[in-house]
Amino acid sequence: MAPFMLHILFTLTGCNTKLIDDEEFVRQVLFDACAVAEATWLKSCSHRFEPQGVTAVALLAESHLSVHTWPEKGTAVCDIFTCSDSSKAKLAMTFMQDKFEATGLSSKVNVDRSMDEGLHVSD
């Protein structure tokens, strides 16, 4: 049986603009989200844009987490790709929503990338 892989793409809206423009805070949220997902953190990379916005990626033994922020819109576009327990990945998603103080979670797509069964998309 091929490994199960889940790719969750989601947009957080109504985020605290100061939090999502703080590069160190965003990096810490990704690190902590890895722990929530019970994933194995390897390293992270981030960049703060001028005049605003942060992109950060956490590399995991199981795959990755990423976030791209638009503080001027109060928005963070995120993804979690994992080959471990999907329920833990969903916990990481709600953890990120809470930490960024987002009032909304939208455009959530779960992509089952199981290698032997093709590609499946669900809301």
PDB file of N, CA and C in Angstrom:
ATOM      1  N   MET A   1       0.843  -1.186   0.000  1.00  0.00           N
ATOM      2  CA  MET A   1       0.000   0.000   0.000  1.00  0.00           C
ATOM      3  C   MET A   1       0.887   1.248   0.000  1.00  0.00           C
ATOM      4  N   ALA A   2       0.565   2.198  -0.838  1.00  0.00           N
ATOM      5  CA  ALA A   2       1.336   3.442  -0.929  1.00  0.00           C
ATOM      6  C   ALA A   2       1.073   4.317   0.294  1.00  0.00           C
ATOM      7  N   PRO A   3       2.010   5.174   0.644  1.00  0.00           N
ATOM      8  CA  PRO A   3       1.816   6.043   1.797  1.00  0.00           C
ATOM      9  C   PRO A   3       0.707   7.060   1.544  1.00  0.00           C
ATOM     10  N   PHE A   4      -0.017   7.402   2.613  1.00  0.00           N
ATOM     11  CA  PHE A   4      -1.044   8.426   2.519  1.00  0.00           C
ATOM     12  C   PHE A   4      -0.385   9.787   2.646  1.00  0.00           C
ATOM     13  N   MET A   5      -0.738  10.691   1.767  1.00  0.00           N
ATOM     14  CA  MET A   5      -0.218  12.054   1.829  1.00  0.00           C
ATOM     15  C   MET A   5      -1.397  13.008   1.775  1.00  0.00           C
ATOM     16  N   LEU A   6      -1.352  14.044   2.608  1.00  0.00           N
ATOM     17  CA  LEU A   6      -2.422  15.022   2.650  1.00  0.00           C
ATOM     18  C   LEU A   6      -1.840  16.407   2.464  1.00  0.00           C
ATOM     19  N   HIS A   7      -2.447  17.190   1.584  1.00  0.00           N
ATOM     20  CA  HIS A   7      -2.033  18.568   1.340  1.00  0.00           C
ATOM     21  C   HIS A   7      -3.221  19.461   1.653  1.00  0.00           C
ATOM     22  N   ILE A   8      -3.105  20.259   2.705  1.00  0.00           N
ATOM     23  CA  ILE A   8      -4.173  21.167   3.108  1.00  0.00           C
ATOM     24  C   ILE A   8      -3.765  22.580   2.710  1.00  0.00           C
ATOM     25  N   LEU A   9      -4.574  23.224   1.879  1.00  0.00           N
ATOM     26  CA  LEU A   9      -4.358  24.590   1.433  1.00  0.00           C
ATOM     27  C   LEU A   9      -5.440  25.444   2.080  1.00  0.00           C
ATOM     28  N   PHE A  10      -5.037  26.516   2.773  1.00  0.00           N
ATOM     29  CA  PHE A  10      -6.054  27.319   3.438  1.00  0.00           C
ATOM     30  C   PHE A  10      -5.637  28.777   3.549  1.00  0.00           C
ATOM     31  N   THR A  11      -6.656  29.627   3.642  1.00  0.00           N
ATOM     32  CA  THR A  11      -6.451  31.063   3.776  1.00  0.00           C
ATOM     33  C   THR A  11      -7.058  31.514   5.089  1.00  0.00           C
ATOM     34  N   LEU A  12      -6.249  32.207   5.881  1.00  0.00           N
ATOM     35  CA  LEU A  12      -6.717  32.779   7.139  1.00  0.00           C
ATOM     36  C   LEU A  12      -7.007  34.254   6.908  1.00  0.00           C
ATOM     37  N   THR A  13      -8.185  34.706   7.295  1.00  0.00           N
ATOM     38  CA  THR A  13      -8.574  36.100   7.109  1.00  0.00           C
ATOM     39  C   THR A  13      -8.850  36.749   8.454  1.00  0.00           C
ATOM     40  N   GLY A  14      -8.824  38.071   8.459  1.00  0.00           N
ATOM     41  CA  GLY A  14      -9.060  38.806   9.703  1.00  0.00           C
ATOM     42  C   GLY A  14      -7.952  38.597  10.716  1.00  0.00           C
ATOM     43  N   CYS A  15      -6.734  38.333  10.229  1.00  0.00           N
ATOM     44  CA  CYS A  15      -5.590  38.093  11.122  1.00  0.00           C
ATOM     45  C   CYS A  15      -5.146  39.386  11.797  1.00  0.00           C
ATOM     46  N   ASN A  16      -4.496  39.233  12.941  1.00  0.00           N
ATOM     47  CA  ASN A  16      -3.863  40.352  13.626  1.00  0.00           C
ATOM     48  C   ASN A  16      -2.718  40.824  12.741  1.00  0.00           C
ATOM     49  N   THR A  17      -2.800  42.042  12.220  1.00  0.00           N
ATOM     50  CA  THR A  17      -1.832  42.517  11.234  1.00  0.00           C
ATOM     51  C   THR A  17      -0.423  42.633  11.798  1.00  0.00           C
ATOM     52  N   LYS A  18      -0.299  42.971  13.076  1.00  0.00           N
ATOM     53  CA  LYS A  18       1.044  43.067  13.667  1.00  0.00           C
ATOM     54  C   LYS A  18       1.684  41.694  13.789  1.00  0.00           C
ATOM     55  N   LEU A  19       0.894  40.697  14.168  1.00  0.00           N
ATOM     56  CA  LEU A  19       1.442  39.346  14.334  1.00  0.00           C
ATOM     57  C   LEU A  19       1.924  38.761  13.012  1.00  0.00           C
ATOM     58  N   ILE A  20       1.132  38.921  11.961  1.00  0.00           N
ATOM     59  CA  ILE A  20       1.511  38.302  10.692  1.00  0.00           C
ATOM     60  C   ILE A  20       2.572  39.097   9.933  1.00  0.00           C
ATOM     61  N   ASP A  21       2.969  40.245  10.483  1.00  0.00           N
ATOM     62  CA  ASP A  21       4.062  41.019   9.889  1.00  0.00           C
ATOM     63  C   ASP A  21       5.349  40.882  10.702  1.00  0.00           C
ATOM     64  N   ASP A  22       5.316  40.041  11.726  1.00  0.00           N
ATOM     65  CA  ASP A  22       6.463  39.808  12.613  1.00  0.00           C
ATOM     66  C   ASP A  22       7.133  38.489  12.205  1.00  0.00           C
ATOM     67  N   GLU A  23       8.263  38.597  11.525  1.00  0.00           N
ATOM     68  CA  GLU A  23       8.933  37.412  10.978  1.00  0.00           C
ATOM     69  C   GLU A  23       9.248  36.372  12.049  1.00  0.00           C
ATOM     70  N   GLU A  24       9.769  36.796  13.182  1.00  0.00           N
ATOM     71  CA  GLU A  24      10.110  35.840  14.247  1.00  0.00           C
ATOM     72  C   GLU A  24       8.866  35.157  14.794  1.00  0.00           C
ATOM     73  N   PHE A  25       7.782  35.910  14.945  1.00  0.00           N
ATOM     74  CA  PHE A  25       6.531  35.326  15.433  1.00  0.00           C
ATOM     75  C   PHE A  25       6.008  34.290  14.442  1.00  0.00           C
ATOM     76  N   VAL A  26       6.015  34.625  13.161  1.00  0.00           N
ATOM     77  CA  VAL A  26       5.535  33.696  12.136  1.00  0.00           C
ATOM     78  C   VAL A  26       6.374  32.414  12.151  1.00  0.00           C
ATOM     79  N   ARG A  27       7.689  32.554  12.254  1.00  0.00           N
ATOM     80  CA  ARG A  27       8.568  31.374  12.328  1.00  0.00           C
ATOM     81  C   ARG A  27       8.242  30.517  13.554  1.00  0.00           C
ATOM     82  N   GLN A  28       7.998  31.168  14.693  1.00  0.00           N
ATOM     83  CA  GLN A  28       7.675  30.429  15.916  1.00  0.00           C
ATOM     84  C   GLN A  28       6.345  29.690  15.783  1.00  0.00           C
ATOM     85  N   VAL A  29       5.364  30.335  15.153  1.00  0.00           N
ATOM     86  CA  VAL A  29       4.072  29.676  14.927  1.00  0.00           C
ATOM     87  C   VAL A  29       4.266  28.418  14.084  1.00  0.00           C
ATOM     88  N   LEU A  30       5.076  28.490  13.033  1.00  0.00           N
ATOM     89  CA  LEU A  30       5.327  27.295  12.218  1.00  0.00           C
ATOM     90  C   LEU A  30       6.012  26.206  13.029  1.00  0.00           C
ATOM     91  N   PHE A  31       7.000  26.594  13.828  1.00  0.00           N
ATOM     92  CA  PHE A  31       7.703  25.619  14.666  1.00  0.00           C
ATOM     93  C   PHE A  31       6.727  24.944  15.631  1.00  0.00           C
ATOM     94  N   ASP A  32       5.891  25.748  16.290  1.00  0.00           N
ATOM     95  CA  ASP A  32       4.921  25.201  17.243  1.00  0.00           C
ATOM     96  C   ASP A  32       3.843  24.368  16.548  1.00  0.00           C
ATOM     97  N   ALA A  33       3.444  24.779  15.334  1.00  0.00           N
ATOM     98  CA  ALA A  33       2.457  24.003  14.577  1.00  0.00           C
ATOM     99  C   ALA A  33       3.006  22.618  14.238  1.00  0.00           C
ATOM    100  N   CYS A  34       4.300  22.533  14.005  1.00  0.00           N
ATOM    101  CA  CYS A  34       4.937  21.227  13.770  1.00  0.00           C
ATOM    102  C   CYS A  34       4.758  20.326  14.984  1.00  0.00           C
ATOM    103  N   ALA A  35       4.941  20.894  16.172  1.00  0.00           N
ATOM    104  CA  ALA A  35       4.765  20.119  17.405  1.00  0.00           C
ATOM    105  C   ALA A  35       3.315  19.673  17.555  1.00  0.00           C
ATOM    106  N   VAL A  36       2.370  20.574  17.268  1.00  0.00           N
ATOM    107  CA  VAL A  36       0.949  20.229  17.348  1.00  0.00           C
ATOM    108  C   VAL A  36       0.632  19.065  16.403  1.00  0.00           C
ATOM    109  N   ALA A  37       1.217  19.097  15.216  1.00  0.00           N
ATOM    110  CA  ALA A  37       0.984  18.042  14.222  1.00  0.00           C
ATOM    111  C   ALA A  37       1.786  16.774  14.515  1.00  0.00           C
ATOM    112  N   GLU A  38       2.603  16.828  15.569  1.00  0.00           N
ATOM    113  CA  GLU A  38       3.502  15.721  15.902  1.00  0.00           C
ATOM    114  C   GLU A  38       4.391  15.364  14.720  1.00  0.00           C
ATOM    115  N   ALA A  39       4.842  16.411  14.031  1.00  0.00           N
ATOM    116  CA  ALA A  39       5.728  16.248  12.883  1.00  0.00           C
ATOM    117  C   ALA A  39       7.168  16.509  13.323  1.00  0.00           C
ATOM    118  N   THR A  40       8.088  16.062  12.507  1.00  0.00           N
ATOM    119  CA  THR A  40       9.510  16.208  12.810  1.00  0.00           C
ATOM    120  C   THR A  40      10.073  17.414  12.079  1.00  0.00           C
ATOM    121  N   TRP A  41      10.328  18.501  12.841  1.00  0.00           N
ATOM    122  CA  TRP A  41      10.885  19.729  12.289  1.00  0.00           C
ATOM    123  C   TRP A  41      12.341  19.495  11.916  1.00  0.00           C
ATOM    124  N   LEU A  42      12.730  19.930  10.706  1.00  0.00           N
ATOM    125  CA  LEU A  42      14.117  19.830  10.272  1.00  0.00           C
ATOM    126  C   LEU A  42      14.794  21.191  10.281  1.00  0.00           C
ATOM    127  N   LYS A  43      14.179  22.162   9.608  1.00  0.00           N
ATOM    128  CA  LYS A  43      14.695  23.533   9.593  1.00  0.00           C
ATOM    129  C   LYS A  43      13.645  24.442   8.979  1.00  0.00           C
ATOM    130  N   SER A  44      13.884  25.749   9.116  1.00  0.00           N
ATOM    131  CA  SER A  44      12.956  26.692   8.517  1.00  0.00           C
ATOM    132  C   SER A  44      13.713  27.813   7.828  1.00  0.00           C
ATOM    133  N   CYS A  45      13.003  28.502   6.955  1.00  0.00           N
ATOM    134  CA  CYS A  45      13.552  29.618   6.209  1.00  0.00           C
ATOM    135  C   CYS A  45      12.441  30.662   6.124  1.00  0.00           C
ATOM    136  N   SER A  46      12.808  31.932   6.245  1.00  0.00           N
ATOM    137  CA  SER A  46      11.795  32.973   6.164  1.00  0.00           C
ATOM    138  C   SER A  46      12.381  34.248   5.584  1.00  0.00           C
ATOM    139  N   HIS A  47      11.474  35.126   5.183  1.00  0.00           N
ATOM    140  CA  HIS A  47      11.882  36.426   4.657  1.00  0.00           C
ATOM    141  C   HIS A  47      10.786  37.435   4.960  1.00  0.00           C
ATOM    142  N   ARG A  48      11.181  38.615   5.456  1.00  0.00           N
ATOM    143  CA  ARG A  48      10.236  39.708   5.653  1.00  0.00           C
ATOM    144  C   ARG A  48      10.412  40.690   4.509  1.00  0.00           C
ATOM    145  N   PHE A  49       9.298  41.024   3.883  1.00  0.00           N
ATOM    146  CA  PHE A  49       9.299  41.949   2.760  1.00  0.00           C
ATOM    147  C   PHE A  49       9.090  43.379   3.246  1.00  0.00           C
ATOM    148  N   GLU A  50       9.570  44.337   2.460  1.00  0.00           N
ATOM    149  CA  GLU A  50       9.332  45.754   2.731  1.00  0.00           C
ATOM    150  C   GLU A  50       8.313  46.265   1.723  1.00  0.00           C
ATOM    151  N   PRO A  51       7.306  46.967   2.150  1.00  0.00           N
ATOM    152  CA  PRO A  51       7.157  47.501   3.494  1.00  0.00           C
ATOM    153  C   PRO A  51       6.490  46.543   4.473  1.00  0.00           C
ATOM    154  N   GLN A  52       5.969  45.396   3.977  1.00  0.00           N
ATOM    155  CA  GLN A  52       5.270  44.475   4.869  1.00  0.00           C
ATOM    156  C   GLN A  52       5.138  43.101   4.233  1.00  0.00           C
ATOM    157  N   GLY A  53       4.858  42.124   5.068  1.00  0.00           N
ATOM    158  CA  GLY A  53       4.628  40.761   4.613  1.00  0.00           C
ATOM    159  C   GLY A  53       5.767  39.826   4.946  1.00  0.00           C
ATOM    160  N   VAL A  54       5.406  38.585   5.208  1.00  0.00           N
ATOM    161  CA  VAL A  54       6.372  37.554   5.578  1.00  0.00           C
ATOM    162  C   VAL A  54       6.051  36.279   4.805  1.00  0.00           C
ATOM    163  N   THR A  55       7.086  35.599   4.351  1.00  0.00           N
ATOM    164  CA  THR A  55       6.964  34.248   3.822  1.00  0.00           C
ATOM    165  C   THR A  55       7.868  33.363   4.665  1.00  0.00           C
ATOM    166  N   ALA A  56       7.326  32.238   5.107  1.00  0.00           N
ATOM    167  CA  ALA A  56       8.113  31.306   5.913  1.00  0.00           C
ATOM    168  C   ALA A  56       7.751  29.875   5.538  1.00  0.00           C
ATOM    169  N   VAL A  57       8.763  29.020   5.554  1.00  0.00           N
ATOM    170  CA  VAL A  57       8.580  27.604   5.248  1.00  0.00           C
ATOM    171  C   VAL A  57       9.294  26.787   6.312  1.00  0.00           C
ATOM    172  N   ALA A  58       8.617  25.782   6.827  1.00  0.00           N
ATOM    173  CA  ALA A  58       9.227  24.830   7.746  1.00  0.00           C
ATOM    174  C   ALA A  58       9.360  23.503   7.008  1.00  0.00           C
ATOM    175  N   LEU A  59      10.572  23.012   6.905  1.00  0.00           N
ATOM    176  CA  LEU A  59      10.811  21.705   6.297  1.00  0.00           C
ATOM    177  C   LEU A  59      10.648  20.639   7.369  1.00  0.00           C
ATOM    178  N   LEU A  60       9.887  19.622   7.058  1.00  0.00           N
ATOM    179  CA  LEU A  60       9.603  18.536   7.991  1.00  0.00           C
ATOM    180  C   LEU A  60      10.122  17.224   7.420  1.00  0.00           C
ATOM    181  N   ALA A  61      10.395  16.288   8.273  1.00  0.00           N
ATOM    182  CA  ALA A  61      10.731  14.945   7.796  1.00  0.00           C
ATOM    183  C   ALA A  61       9.541  14.383   7.004  1.00  0.00           C
ATOM    184  N   GLU A  62       8.323  14.811   7.375  1.00  0.00           N
ATOM    185  CA  GLU A  62       7.100  14.346   6.723  1.00  0.00           C
ATOM    186  C   GLU A  62       6.707  15.185   5.513  1.00  0.00           C
ATOM    187  N   SER A  63       7.302  16.351   5.317  1.00  0.00           N
ATOM    188  CA  SER A  63       7.115  17.230   4.160  1.00  0.00           C
ATOM    189  C   SER A  63       7.316  18.688   4.550  1.00  0.00           C
ATOM    190  N   HIS A  64       6.240  19.545   4.583  1.00  0.00           N
ATOM    191  CA  HIS A  64       6.459  20.964   4.884  1.00  0.00           C
ATOM    192  C   HIS A  64       5.204  21.676   5.381  1.00  0.00           C
ATOM    193  N   LEU A  65       5.418  22.850   5.981  1.00  0.00           N
ATOM    194  CA  LEU A  65       4.378  23.828   6.290  1.00  0.00           C
ATOM    195  C   LEU A  65       4.847  25.146   5.707  1.00  0.00           C
ATOM    196  N   SER A  66       3.922  25.961   5.197  1.00  0.00           N
ATOM    197  CA  SER A  66       4.323  27.279   4.703  1.00  0.00           C
ATOM    198  C   SER A  66       3.242  28.305   5.007  1.00  0.00           C
ATOM    199  N   VAL A  67       3.681  29.566   5.055  1.00  0.00           N
ATOM    200  CA  VAL A  67       2.757  30.688   5.248  1.00  0.00           C
ATOM    201  C   VAL A  67       3.277  31.885   4.470  1.00  0.00           C
ATOM    202  N   HIS A  68       2.352  32.600   3.844  1.00  0.00           N
ATOM    203  CA  HIS A  68       2.645  33.822   3.099  1.00  0.00           C
ATOM    204  C   HIS A  68       1.644  34.856   3.603  1.00  0.00           C
ATOM    205  N   THR A  69       2.138  35.995   4.124  1.00  0.00           N
ATOM    206  CA  THR A  69       1.225  36.950   4.747  1.00  0.00           C
ATOM    207  C   THR A  69       1.102  38.252   3.970  1.00  0.00           C
ATOM    208  N   TRP A  70      -0.077  38.830   4.058  1.00  0.00           N
ATOM    209  CA  TRP A  70      -0.395  40.139   3.513  1.00  0.00           C
ATOM    210  C   TRP A  70      -1.017  40.951   4.645  1.00  0.00           C
ATOM    211  N   PRO A  71      -0.188  41.570   5.501  1.00  0.00           N
ATOM    212  CA  PRO A  71      -0.720  42.317   6.639  1.00  0.00           C
ATOM    213  C   PRO A  71      -1.707  43.415   6.241  1.00  0.00           C
ATOM    214  N   GLU A  72      -1.474  44.054   5.099  1.00  0.00           N
ATOM    215  CA  GLU A  72      -2.369  45.130   4.671  1.00  0.00           C
ATOM    216  C   GLU A  72      -3.787  44.621   4.402  1.00  0.00           C
ATOM    217  N   LYS A  73      -3.931  43.316   4.215  1.00  0.00           N
ATOM    218  CA  LYS A  73      -5.238  42.700   4.005  1.00  0.00           C
ATOM    219  C   LYS A  73      -5.655  41.828   5.188  1.00  0.00           C
ATOM    220  N   GLY A  74      -4.758  41.672   6.187  1.00  0.00           N
ATOM    221  CA  GLY A  74      -5.058  40.810   7.333  1.00  0.00           C
ATOM    222  C   GLY A  74      -5.173  39.350   6.936  1.00  0.00           C
ATOM    223  N   THR A  75      -4.394  38.940   5.930  1.00  0.00           N
ATOM    224  CA  THR A  75      -4.533  37.607   5.342  1.00  0.00           C
ATOM    225  C   THR A  75      -3.224  36.814   5.401  1.00  0.00           C
ATOM    226  N   ALA A  76      -3.362  35.534   5.671  1.00  0.00           N
ATOM    227  CA  ALA A  76      -2.238  34.598   5.606  1.00  0.00           C
ATOM    228  C   ALA A  76      -2.683  33.399   4.773  1.00  0.00           C
ATOM    229  N   VAL A  77      -1.927  33.108   3.720  1.00  0.00           N
ATOM    230  CA  VAL A  77      -2.214  31.951   2.867  1.00  0.00           C
ATOM    231  C   VAL A  77      -1.217  30.864   3.254  1.00  0.00           C
ATOM    232  N   CYS A  78      -1.738  29.707   3.589  1.00  0.00           N
ATOM    233  CA  CYS A  78      -0.916  28.658   4.209  1.00  0.00           C
ATOM    234  C   CYS A  78      -1.124  27.310   3.534  1.00  0.00           C
ATOM    235  N   ASP A  79      -0.154  26.431   3.751  1.00  0.00           N
ATOM    236  CA  ASP A  79      -0.356  25.042   3.372  1.00  0.00           C
ATOM    237  C   ASP A  79       0.408  24.129   4.311  1.00  0.00           C
ATOM    238  N   ILE A  80      -0.154  22.943   4.450  1.00  0.00           N
ATOM    239  CA  ILE A  80       0.464  21.882   5.239  1.00  0.00           C
ATOM    240  C   ILE A  80       0.453  20.641   4.357  1.00  0.00           C
ATOM    241  N   PHE A  81       1.630  20.093   4.113  1.00  0.00           N
ATOM    242  CA  PHE A  81       1.747  18.876   3.311  1.00  0.00           C
ATOM    243  C   PHE A  81       2.399  17.840   4.213  1.00  0.00           C
ATOM    244  N   THR A  82       1.730  16.719   4.387  1.00  0.00           N
ATOM    245  CA  THR A  82       2.240  15.712   5.305  1.00  0.00           C
ATOM    246  C   THR A  82       1.936  14.296   4.813  1.00  0.00           C
ATOM    247  N   CYS A  83       2.779  13.380   5.228  1.00  0.00           N
ATOM    248  CA  CYS A  83       2.525  11.963   4.951  1.00  0.00           C
ATOM    249  C   CYS A  83       2.278  11.236   6.270  1.00  0.00           C
ATOM    250  N   SER A  84       1.849  12.012   7.294  1.00  0.00           N
ATOM    251  CA  SER A  84       1.515  11.405   8.592  1.00  0.00           C
ATOM    252  C   SER A  84       0.026  11.595   8.856  1.00  0.00           C
ATOM    253  N   ASP A  85      -0.396  11.380  10.081  1.00  0.00           N
ATOM    254  CA  ASP A  85      -1.798  11.414  10.484  1.00  0.00           C
ATOM    255  C   ASP A  85      -2.489  12.712  10.063  1.00  0.00           C
ATOM    256  N   SER A  86      -3.516  12.604   9.220  1.00  0.00           N
ATOM    257  CA  SER A  86      -4.201  13.786   8.699  1.00  0.00           C
ATOM    258  C   SER A  86      -4.920  14.571   9.784  1.00  0.00           C
ATOM    259  N   SER A  87      -5.411  13.907  10.836  1.00  0.00           N
ATOM    260  CA  SER A  87      -6.114  14.630  11.897  1.00  0.00           C
ATOM    261  C   SER A  87      -5.161  15.557  12.634  1.00  0.00           C
ATOM    262  N   LYS A  88      -3.901  15.168  12.760  1.00  0.00           N
ATOM    263  CA  LYS A  88      -2.904  16.022  13.408  1.00  0.00           C
ATOM    264  C   LYS A  88      -2.600  17.238  12.532  1.00  0.00           C
ATOM    265  N   ALA A  89      -2.585  17.054  11.219  1.00  0.00           N
ATOM    266  CA  ALA A  89      -2.365  18.181  10.312  1.00  0.00           C
ATOM    267  C   ALA A  89      -3.497  19.181  10.442  1.00  0.00           C
ATOM    268  N   LYS A  90      -4.717  18.704  10.589  1.00  0.00           N
ATOM    269  CA  LYS A  90      -5.866  19.600  10.743  1.00  0.00           C
ATOM    270  C   LYS A  90      -5.791  20.346  12.074  1.00  0.00           C
ATOM    271  N   LEU A  91      -5.256  19.710  13.106  1.00  0.00           N
ATOM    272  CA  LEU A  91      -5.049  20.399  14.384  1.00  0.00           C
ATOM    273  C   LEU A  91      -4.042  21.530  14.222  1.00  0.00           C
ATOM    274  N   ALA A  92      -3.005  21.304  13.426  1.00  0.00           N
ATOM    275  CA  ALA A  92      -2.008  22.346  13.168  1.00  0.00           C
ATOM    276  C   ALA A  92      -2.642  23.526  12.442  1.00  0.00           C
ATOM    277  N   MET A  93      -3.574  23.246  11.540  1.00  0.00           N
ATOM    278  CA  MET A  93      -4.256  24.312  10.814  1.00  0.00           C
ATOM    279  C   MET A  93      -5.063  25.185  11.781  1.00  0.00           C
ATOM    280  N   THR A  94      -5.827  24.585  12.663  1.00  0.00           N
ATOM    281  CA  THR A  94      -6.615  25.373  13.613  1.00  0.00           C
ATOM    282  C   THR A  94      -5.718  26.073  14.635  1.00  0.00           C
ATOM    283  N   PHE A  95      -4.574  25.468  14.959  1.00  0.00           N
ATOM    284  CA  PHE A  95      -3.598  26.113  15.832  1.00  0.00           C
ATOM    285  C   PHE A  95      -3.095  27.403  15.184  1.00  0.00           C
ATOM    286  N   MET A  96      -2.758  27.344  13.902  1.00  0.00           N
ATOM    287  CA  MET A  96      -2.275  28.529  13.191  1.00  0.00           C
ATOM    288  C   MET A  96      -3.363  29.600  13.139  1.00  0.00           C
ATOM    289  N   GLN A  97      -4.600  29.201  12.934  1.00  0.00           N
ATOM    290  CA  GLN A  97      -5.712  30.149  12.932  1.00  0.00           C
ATOM    291  C   GLN A  97      -5.786  30.873  14.280  1.00  0.00           C
ATOM    292  N   ASP A  98      -5.660  30.130  15.349  1.00  0.00           N
ATOM    293  CA  ASP A  98      -5.713  30.709  16.693  1.00  0.00           C
ATOM    294  C   ASP A  98      -4.535  31.646  16.951  1.00  0.00           C
ATOM    295  N   LYS A  99      -3.323  31.222  16.637  1.00  0.00           N
ATOM    296  CA  LYS A  99      -2.126  32.022  16.924  1.00  0.00           C
ATOM    297  C   LYS A  99      -2.080  33.322  16.126  1.00  0.00           C
ATOM    298  N   PHE A 100      -2.588  33.316  14.899  1.00  0.00           N
ATOM    299  CA  PHE A 100      -2.621  34.539  14.091  1.00  0.00           C
ATOM    300  C   PHE A 100      -3.870  35.371  14.380  1.00  0.00           C
ATOM    301  N   GLU A 101      -4.691  34.885  15.340  1.00  0.00           N
ATOM    302  CA  GLU A 101      -5.926  35.566  15.750  1.00  0.00           C
ATOM    303  C   GLU A 101      -6.840  35.819  14.556  1.00  0.00           C
ATOM    304  N   ALA A 102      -6.903  34.843  13.668  1.00  0.00           N
ATOM    305  CA  ALA A 102      -7.728  34.952  12.460  1.00  0.00           C
ATOM    306  C   ALA A 102      -9.201  34.778  12.807  1.00  0.00           C
ATOM    307  N   THR A 103     -10.024  35.604  12.208  1.00  0.00           N
ATOM    308  CA  THR A 103     -11.471  35.495  12.417  1.00  0.00           C
ATOM    309  C   THR A 103     -12.122  34.580  11.392  1.00  0.00           C
ATOM    310  N   GLY A 104     -11.375  34.234  10.339  1.00  0.00           N
ATOM    311  CA  GLY A 104     -11.945  33.369   9.314  1.00  0.00           C
ATOM    312  C   GLY A 104     -10.939  32.385   8.749  1.00  0.00           C
ATOM    313  N   LEU A 105     -11.466  31.261   8.321  1.00  0.00           N
ATOM    314  CA  LEU A 105     -10.682  30.217   7.656  1.00  0.00           C
ATOM    315  C   LEU A 105     -11.434  29.899   6.375  1.00  0.00           C
ATOM    316  N   SER A 106     -10.816  30.158   5.235  1.00  0.00           N
ATOM    317  CA  SER A 106     -11.530  29.967   3.975  1.00  0.00           C
ATOM    318  C   SER A 106     -10.657  29.240   2.950  1.00  0.00           C
ATOM    319  N   SER A 107     -11.288  28.911   1.828  1.00  0.00           N
ATOM    320  CA  SER A 107     -10.614  28.249   0.716  1.00  0.00           C
ATOM    321  C   SER A 107      -9.855  27.008   1.161  1.00  0.00           C
ATOM    322  N   LYS A 108     -10.437  26.291   2.114  1.00  0.00           N
ATOM    323  CA  LYS A 108      -9.779  25.090   2.605  1.00  0.00           C
ATOM    324  C   LYS A 108      -9.979  23.959   1.613  1.00  0.00           C
ATOM    325  N   VAL A 109      -8.892  23.374   1.186  1.00  0.00           N
ATOM    326  CA  VAL A 109      -8.945  22.240   0.266  1.00  0.00           C
ATOM    327  C   VAL A 109      -8.045  21.152   0.819  1.00  0.00           C
ATOM    328  N   ASN A 110      -8.560  19.954   0.897  1.00  0.00           N
ATOM    329  CA  ASN A 110      -7.760  18.812   1.313  1.00  0.00           C
ATOM    330  C   ASN A 110      -7.468  17.982   0.071  1.00  0.00           C
ATOM    331  N   VAL A 111      -6.210  17.829  -0.241  1.00  0.00           N
ATOM    332  CA  VAL A 111      -5.825  17.067  -1.410  1.00  0.00           C
ATOM    333  C   VAL A 111      -5.178  15.772  -0.953  1.00  0.00           C
ATOM    334  N   ASP A 112      -5.852  14.661  -1.208  1.00  0.00           N
ATOM    335  CA  ASP A 112      -5.313  13.345  -0.890  1.00  0.00           C
ATOM    336  C   ASP A 112      -4.396  12.959  -2.035  1.00  0.00           C
ATOM    337  N   ARG A 113      -3.111  12.897  -1.755  1.00  0.00           N
ATOM    338  CA  ARG A 113      -2.133  12.593  -2.798  1.00  0.00           C
ATOM    339  C   ARG A 113      -1.619  11.160  -2.658  1.00  0.00           C
ATOM    340  N   SER A 114      -2.515  10.228  -2.349  1.00  0.00           N
ATOM    341  CA  SER A 114      -2.114   8.837  -2.241  1.00  0.00           C
ATOM    342  C   SER A 114      -1.555   8.365  -3.567  1.00  0.00           C
ATOM    343  N   MET A 115      -0.360   7.816  -3.536  1.00  0.00           N
ATOM    344  CA  MET A 115       0.362   7.496  -4.763  1.00  0.00           C
ATOM    345  C   MET A 115      -0.296   6.423  -5.612  1.00  0.00           C
ATOM    346  N   ASP A 116      -0.968   5.480  -4.999  1.00  0.00           N
ATOM    347  CA  ASP A 116      -1.501   4.383  -5.803  1.00  0.00           C
ATOM    348  C   ASP A 116      -2.960   4.569  -6.199  1.00  0.00           C
ATOM    349  N   GLU A 117      -3.584   5.672  -5.816  1.00  0.00           N
ATOM    350  CA  GLU A 117      -4.998   5.842  -6.115  1.00  0.00           C
ATOM    351  C   GLU A 117      -5.299   7.122  -6.876  1.00  0.00           C
ATOM    352  N   GLY A 118      -4.307   7.816  -7.367  1.00  0.00           N
ATOM    353  CA  GLY A 118      -4.557   9.051  -8.083  1.00  0.00           C
ATOM    354  C   GLY A 118      -4.752  10.211  -7.135  1.00  0.00           C
ATOM    355  N   LEU A 119      -5.354  11.274  -7.616  1.00  0.00           N
ATOM    356  CA  LEU A 119      -5.504  12.532  -6.887  1.00  0.00           C
ATOM    357  C   LEU A 119      -6.964  12.733  -6.527  1.00  0.00           C
ATOM    358  N   HIS A 120      -7.253  13.054  -5.258  1.00  0.00           N
ATOM    359  CA  HIS A 120      -8.612  13.267  -4.791  1.00  0.00           C
ATOM    360  C   HIS A 120      -8.666  14.618  -4.093  1.00  0.00           C
ATOM    361  N   VAL A 121      -9.675  15.427  -4.420  1.00  0.00           N
ATOM    362  CA  VAL A 121      -9.823  16.742  -3.802  1.00  0.00           C
ATOM    363  C   VAL A 121     -11.156  16.792  -3.093  1.00  0.00           C
ATOM    364  N   SER A 122     -11.162  17.345  -1.868  1.00  0.00           N
ATOM    365  CA  SER A 122     -12.404  17.530  -1.130  1.00  0.00           C
ATOM    366  C   SER A 122     -12.356  18.848  -0.384  1.00  0.00           C
ATOM    367  N   ASP A 123     -13.528  19.364  -0.040  1.00  0.00           N
ATOM    368  CA  ASP A 123     -13.609  20.619   0.736  1.00  0.00           C
ATOM    369  C   ASP A 123     -13.599  20.316   2.219  1.00  0.00           C
TER     370      ASP A 123
END
